[in-house]
Amino acid sequence: IRYQYSVESDNRGGMLVIATNSDE
């Protein structure tokens, strides 16, 4: 609802979980 969540490569062999909205 408030955020979109992405799971992206960290370019170090792992993954990042990132929360995004219009403010942050």
PDB file of all heavy atoms in Angstrom:
ATOM      1  N   ILE A   1       0.840  -1.201   0.000  1.00  0.00           N
ATOM      2  CA  ILE A   1       0.000   0.000   0.000  1.00  0.00           C
ATOM      3  C   ILE A   1       0.870   1.245   0.000  1.00  0.00           C
ATOM      4  O   ILE A   1       0.745   2.106  -0.871  1.00  0.00           O
ATOM      5  CB  ILE A   1      -0.949   0.010   1.217  1.00  0.00           C
ATOM      6  CG1 ILE A   1      -1.819  -1.253   1.195  1.00  0.00           C
ATOM      7  CG2 ILE A   1      -1.833   1.252   1.209  1.00  0.00           C
ATOM      8  CD1 ILE A   1      -2.675  -1.418   2.427  1.00  0.00           C
ATOM      9  N   ARG A   2       1.783   1.320   0.950  1.00  0.00           N
ATOM     10  CA  ARG A   2       2.619   2.524   1.059  1.00  0.00           C
ATOM     11  C   ARG A   2       3.888   2.414   0.224  1.00  0.00           C
ATOM     12  O   ARG A   2       4.371   3.391  -0.331  1.00  0.00           O
ATOM     13  CB  ARG A   2       2.997   2.766   2.525  1.00  0.00           C
ATOM     14  CG  ARG A   2       3.829   4.019   2.761  1.00  0.00           C
ATOM     15  CD  ARG A   2       4.182   4.152   4.237  1.00  0.00           C
ATOM     16  NE  ARG A   2       4.979   5.336   4.501  1.00  0.00           N
ATOM     17  CZ  ARG A   2       4.475   6.552   4.727  1.00  0.00           C
ATOM     18  NH1 ARG A   2       3.168   6.719   4.708  1.00  0.00           N
ATOM     19  NH2 ARG A   2       5.261   7.575   4.974  1.00  0.00           N
ATOM     20  N   TYR A   3       4.444   1.214   0.131  1.00  0.00           N
ATOM     21  CA  TYR A   3       5.711   1.007  -0.563  1.00  0.00           C
ATOM     22  C   TYR A   3       5.547   0.001  -1.689  1.00  0.00           C
ATOM     23  O   TYR A   3       4.620  -0.810  -1.702  1.00  0.00           O
ATOM     24  CB  TYR A   3       6.778   0.464   0.402  1.00  0.00           C
ATOM     25  CG  TYR A   3       7.168   1.414   1.501  1.00  0.00           C
ATOM     26  CD1 TYR A   3       6.615   1.287   2.775  1.00  0.00           C
ATOM     27  CD2 TYR A   3       8.097   2.426   1.285  1.00  0.00           C
ATOM     28  CE1 TYR A   3       6.973   2.152   3.798  1.00  0.00           C
ATOM     29  CE2 TYR A   3       8.462   3.292   2.303  1.00  0.00           C
ATOM     30  CZ  TYR A   3       7.891   3.148   3.555  1.00  0.00           C
ATOM     31  OH  TYR A   3       8.251   4.009   4.566  1.00  0.00           O
ATOM     32  N   GLN A   4       6.495   0.066  -2.628  1.00  0.00           N
ATOM     33  CA  GLN A   4       6.743  -1.036  -3.530  1.00  0.00           C
ATOM     34  C   GLN A   4       8.040  -1.695  -3.075  1.00  0.00           C
ATOM     35  O   GLN A   4       8.993  -1.009  -2.696  1.00  0.00           O
ATOM     36  CB  GLN A   4       6.898  -0.550  -4.976  1.00  0.00           C
ATOM     37  CG  GLN A   4       5.617  -0.016  -5.587  1.00  0.00           C
ATOM     38  CD  GLN A   4       5.815   0.335  -7.049  1.00  0.00           C
ATOM     39  OE1 GLN A   4       6.891   0.749  -7.466  1.00  0.00           O
ATOM     40  NE2 GLN A   4       4.769   0.174  -7.841  1.00  0.00           N
ATOM     41  N   TYR A   5       8.058  -3.016  -3.116  1.00  0.00           N
ATOM     42  CA  TYR A   5       9.240  -3.752  -2.675  1.00  0.00           C
ATOM     43  C   TYR A   5       9.896  -4.422  -3.871  1.00  0.00           C
ATOM     44  O   TYR A   5       9.224  -5.071  -4.677  1.00  0.00           O
ATOM     45  CB  TYR A   5       8.866  -4.795  -1.620  1.00  0.00           C
ATOM     46  CG  TYR A   5       8.420  -4.179  -0.317  1.00  0.00           C
ATOM     47  CD1 TYR A   5       7.086  -3.871  -0.081  1.00  0.00           C
ATOM     48  CD2 TYR A   5       9.343  -3.888   0.685  1.00  0.00           C
ATOM     49  CE1 TYR A   5       6.674  -3.297   1.112  1.00  0.00           C
ATOM     50  CE2 TYR A   5       8.943  -3.316   1.887  1.00  0.00           C
ATOM     51  CZ  TYR A   5       7.612  -3.017   2.088  1.00  0.00           C
ATOM     52  OH  TYR A   5       7.207  -2.437   3.263  1.00  0.00           O
ATOM     53  N   SER A   6      11.208  -4.256  -3.981  1.00  0.00           N
ATOM     54  CA  SER A   6      11.971  -4.869  -5.054  1.00  0.00           C
ATOM     55  C   SER A   6      13.047  -5.763  -4.463  1.00  0.00           C
ATOM     56  O   SER A   6      13.586  -5.477  -3.387  1.00  0.00           O
ATOM     57  CB  SER A   6      12.638  -3.796  -5.928  1.00  0.00           C
ATOM     58  OG  SER A   6      11.676  -2.918  -6.473  1.00  0.00           O
ATOM     59  N   VAL A   7      13.336  -6.840  -5.165  1.00  0.00           N
ATOM     60  CA  VAL A   7      14.446  -7.721  -4.798  1.00  0.00           C
ATOM     61  C   VAL A   7      15.431  -7.679  -5.958  1.00  0.00           C
ATOM     62  O   VAL A   7      15.120  -8.134  -7.060  1.00  0.00           O
ATOM     63  CB  VAL A   7      13.976  -9.159  -4.520  1.00  0.00           C
ATOM     64  CG1 VAL A   7      15.147 -10.011  -4.051  1.00  0.00           C
ATOM     65  CG2 VAL A   7      12.856  -9.174  -3.486  1.00  0.00           C
ATOM     66  N   GLU A   8      16.611  -7.095  -5.707  1.00  0.00           N
ATOM     67  CA  GLU A   8      17.569  -6.839  -6.766  1.00  0.00           C
ATOM     68  C   GLU A   8      18.941  -7.401  -6.409  1.00  0.00           C
ATOM     69  O   GLU A   8      19.272  -7.552  -5.236  1.00  0.00           O
ATOM     70  CB  GLU A   8      17.700  -5.325  -7.005  1.00  0.00           C
ATOM     71  CG  GLU A   8      16.382  -4.633  -7.319  1.00  0.00           C
ATOM     72  CD  GLU A   8      16.531  -3.133  -7.447  1.00  0.00           C
ATOM     73  OE1 GLU A   8      17.692  -2.647  -7.364  1.00  0.00           O
ATOM     74  OE2 GLU A   8      15.504  -2.451  -7.608  1.00  0.00           O
ATOM     75  N   SER A   9      19.745  -7.672  -7.423  1.00  0.00           N
ATOM     76  CA  SER A   9      21.111  -8.133  -7.196  1.00  0.00           C
ATOM     77  C   SER A   9      21.925  -7.039  -6.516  1.00  0.00           C
ATOM     78  O   SER A   9      21.776  -5.848  -6.818  1.00  0.00           O
ATOM     79  CB  SER A   9      21.763  -8.501  -8.523  1.00  0.00           C
ATOM     80  OG  SER A   9      23.147  -8.741  -8.345  1.00  0.00           O
ATOM     81  N   ASP A  10      22.808  -7.455  -5.590  1.00  0.00           N
ATOM     82  CA  ASP A  10      23.701  -6.482  -4.950  1.00  0.00           C
ATOM     83  C   ASP A  10      25.066  -6.441  -5.632  1.00  0.00           C
ATOM     84  O   ASP A  10      25.983  -5.770  -5.147  1.00  0.00           O
ATOM     85  CB  ASP A  10      23.867  -6.783  -3.455  1.00  0.00           C
ATOM     86  CG  ASP A  10      24.619  -8.088  -3.192  1.00  0.00           C
ATOM     87  OD1 ASP A  10      24.906  -8.824  -4.154  1.00  0.00           O
ATOM     88  OD2 ASP A  10      24.906  -8.375  -2.021  1.00  0.00           O
ATOM     89  N   ASN A  11      25.205  -7.188  -6.744  1.00  0.00           N
ATOM     90  CA  ASN A  11      26.462  -7.272  -7.497  1.00  0.00           C
ATOM     91  C   ASN A  11      27.610  -7.834  -6.663  1.00  0.00           C
ATOM     92  O   ASN A  11      28.779  -7.615  -6.978  1.00  0.00           O
ATOM     93  CB  ASN A  11      26.850  -5.896  -8.069  1.00  0.00           C
ATOM     94  CG  ASN A  11      25.820  -5.370  -9.049  1.00  0.00           C
ATOM     95  OD1 ASN A  11      25.342  -6.113  -9.911  1.00  0.00           O
ATOM     96  ND2 ASN A  11      25.459  -4.108  -8.910  1.00  0.00           N
ATOM     97  N   ARG A  12      27.257  -8.539  -5.588  1.00  0.00           N
ATOM     98  CA  ARG A  12      28.263  -9.177  -4.736  1.00  0.00           C
ATOM     99  C   ARG A  12      27.883 -10.639  -4.470  1.00  0.00           C
ATOM    100  O   ARG A  12      28.326 -11.242  -3.512  1.00  0.00           O
ATOM    101  CB  ARG A  12      28.407  -8.423  -3.410  1.00  0.00           C
ATOM    102  CG  ARG A  12      28.837  -6.974  -3.563  1.00  0.00           C
ATOM    103  CD  ARG A  12      28.802  -6.204  -2.261  1.00  0.00           C
ATOM    104  NE  ARG A  12      29.710  -6.751  -1.265  1.00  0.00           N
ATOM    105  CZ  ARG A  12      29.923  -6.165  -0.078  1.00  0.00           C
ATOM    106  NH1 ARG A  12      29.289  -5.030   0.241  1.00  0.00           N
ATOM    107  NH2 ARG A  12      30.757  -6.695   0.783  1.00  0.00           N
ATOM    108  N   GLY A  13      27.019 -11.164  -5.314  1.00  0.00           N
ATOM    109  CA  GLY A  13      26.578 -12.535  -5.136  1.00  0.00           C
ATOM    110  C   GLY A  13      25.355 -12.681  -4.267  1.00  0.00           C
ATOM    111  O   GLY A  13      24.938 -13.810  -3.963  1.00  0.00           O
ATOM    112  N   GLY A  14      24.765 -11.571  -3.871  1.00  0.00           N
ATOM    113  CA  GLY A  14      23.586 -11.613  -3.024  1.00  0.00           C
ATOM    114  C   GLY A  14      22.452 -10.777  -3.585  1.00  0.00           C
ATOM    115  O   GLY A  14      22.484 -10.341  -4.740  1.00  0.00           O
ATOM    116  N   MET A  15      21.440 -10.543  -2.744  1.00  0.00           N
ATOM    117  CA  MET A  15      20.249  -9.812  -3.149  1.00  0.00           C
ATOM    118  C   MET A  15      19.939  -8.720  -2.136  1.00  0.00           C
ATOM    119  O   MET A  15      20.247  -8.844  -0.946  1.00  0.00           O
ATOM    120  CB  MET A  15      19.047 -10.762  -3.238  1.00  0.00           C
ATOM    121  CG  MET A  15      19.277 -12.013  -4.084  1.00  0.00           C
ATOM    122  SD  MET A  15      19.503 -11.651  -5.839  1.00  0.00           S
ATOM    123  CE  MET A  15      17.824 -11.229  -6.315  1.00  0.00           C
ATOM    124  N   LEU A  16      19.334  -7.635  -2.629  1.00  0.00           N
ATOM    125  CA  LEU A  16      18.879  -6.525  -1.796  1.00  0.00           C
ATOM    126  C   LEU A  16      17.359  -6.493  -1.777  1.00  0.00           C
ATOM    127  O   LEU A  16      16.716  -6.702  -2.809  1.00  0.00           O
ATOM    128  CB  LEU A  16      19.390  -5.194  -2.352  1.00  0.00           C
ATOM    129  CG  LEU A  16      20.895  -5.011  -2.500  1.00  0.00           C
ATOM    130  CD1 LEU A  16      21.185  -3.714  -3.255  1.00  0.00           C
ATOM    131  CD2 LEU A  16      21.577  -4.999  -1.135  1.00  0.00           C
ATOM    132  N   VAL A  17      16.782  -6.211  -0.616  1.00  0.00           N
ATOM    133  CA  VAL A  17      15.343  -5.954  -0.517  1.00  0.00           C
ATOM    134  C   VAL A  17      15.174  -4.456  -0.299  1.00  0.00           C
ATOM    135  O   VAL A  17      15.683  -3.898   0.681  1.00  0.00           O
ATOM    136  CB  VAL A  17      14.703  -6.751   0.620  1.00  0.00           C
ATOM    137  CG1 VAL A  17      13.223  -6.378   0.775  1.00  0.00           C
ATOM    138  CG2 VAL A  17      14.840  -8.251   0.364  1.00  0.00           C
ATOM    139  N   ILE A  18      14.478  -3.796  -1.238  1.00  0.00           N
ATOM    140  CA  ILE A  18      14.401  -2.337  -1.272  1.00  0.00           C
ATOM    141  C   ILE A  18      12.935  -1.906  -1.233  1.00  0.00           C
ATOM    142  O   ILE A  18      12.096  -2.427  -1.973  1.00  0.00           O
ATOM    143  CB  ILE A  18      15.069  -1.788  -2.550  1.00  0.00           C
ATOM    144  CG1 ILE A  18      16.535  -2.245  -2.613  1.00  0.00           C
ATOM    145  CG2 ILE A  18      14.978  -0.264  -2.607  1.00  0.00           C
ATOM    146  CD1 ILE A  18      17.222  -1.948  -3.934  1.00  0.00           C
ATOM    147  N   ALA A  19      12.626  -0.948  -0.374  1.00  0.00           N
ATOM    148  CA  ALA A  19      11.284  -0.367  -0.280  1.00  0.00           C
ATOM    149  C   ALA A  19      11.307   1.028  -0.897  1.00  0.00           C
ATOM    150  O   ALA A  19      12.174   1.842  -0.573  1.00  0.00           O
ATOM    151  CB  ALA A  19      10.837  -0.297   1.174  1.00  0.00           C
ATOM    152  N   THR A  20      10.334   1.307  -1.768  1.00  0.00           N
ATOM    153  CA  THR A  20      10.321   2.569  -2.508  1.00  0.00           C
ATOM    154  C   THR A  20       8.920   3.162  -2.521  1.00  0.00           C
ATOM    155  O   THR A  20       7.927   2.445  -2.676  1.00  0.00           O
ATOM    156  CB  THR A  20      10.756   2.337  -3.975  1.00  0.00           C
ATOM    157  OG1 THR A  20      12.003   1.650  -4.002  1.00  0.00           O
ATOM    158  CG2 THR A  20      10.902   3.655  -4.723  1.00  0.00           C
ATOM    159  N   ASN A  21       8.835   4.469  -2.331  1.00  0.00           N
ATOM    160  CA  ASN A  21       7.616   5.201  -2.655  1.00  0.00           C
ATOM    161  C   ASN A  21       8.020   6.556  -3.212  1.00  0.00           C
ATOM    162  O   ASN A  21       9.195   6.788  -3.522  1.00  0.00           O
ATOM    163  CB  ASN A  21       6.665   5.315  -1.447  1.00  0.00           C
ATOM    164  CG  ASN A  21       7.264   6.094  -0.300  1.00  0.00           C
ATOM    165  OD1 ASN A  21       8.214   6.859  -0.452  1.00  0.00           O
ATOM    166  ND2 ASN A  21       6.703   5.897   0.891  1.00  0.00           N
ATOM    167  N   SER A  22       7.068   7.460  -3.354  1.00  0.00           N
ATOM    168  CA  SER A  22       7.367   8.743  -3.995  1.00  0.00           C
ATOM    169  C   SER A  22       8.291   9.613  -3.160  1.00  0.00           C
ATOM    170  O   SER A  22       8.905  10.551  -3.676  1.00  0.00           O
ATOM    171  CB  SER A  22       6.060   9.505  -4.269  1.00  0.00           C
ATOM    172  OG  SER A  22       5.337   9.717  -3.058  1.00  0.00           O
ATOM    173  N   ASP A  23       8.426   9.301  -1.864  1.00  0.00           N
ATOM    174  CA  ASP A  23       9.217  10.145  -0.966  1.00  0.00           C
ATOM    175  C   ASP A  23      10.586   9.571  -0.620  1.00  0.00           C
ATOM    176  O   ASP A  23      11.484  10.317  -0.239  1.00  0.00           O
ATOM    177  CB  ASP A  23       8.446  10.386   0.348  1.00  0.00           C
ATOM    178  CG  ASP A  23       7.132  11.103   0.118  1.00  0.00           C
ATOM    179  OD1 ASP A  23       7.123  12.039  -0.708  1.00  0.00           O
ATOM    180  OD2 ASP A  23       6.138  10.724   0.748  1.00  0.00           O
ATOM    181  N   GLU A  24      10.750   8.263  -0.721  1.00  0.00           N
ATOM    182  CA  GLU A  24      11.992   7.676  -0.231  1.00  0.00           C
ATOM    183  C   GLU A  24      12.292   6.339  -0.893  1.00  0.00           C
ATOM    184  O   GLU A  24      11.403   5.657  -1.421  1.00  0.00           O
ATOM    185  CB  GLU A  24      11.935   7.488   1.289  1.00  0.00           C
ATOM    186  CG  GLU A  24      10.781   6.617   1.758  1.00  0.00           C
ATOM    187  CD  GLU A  24      10.701   6.526   3.268  1.00  0.00           C
ATOM    188  OE1 GLU A  24      11.705   6.771   3.952  1.00  0.00           O
ATOM    189  OE2 GLU A  24       9.608   6.193   3.770  1.00  0.00           O
TER     190      GLU A  24
END
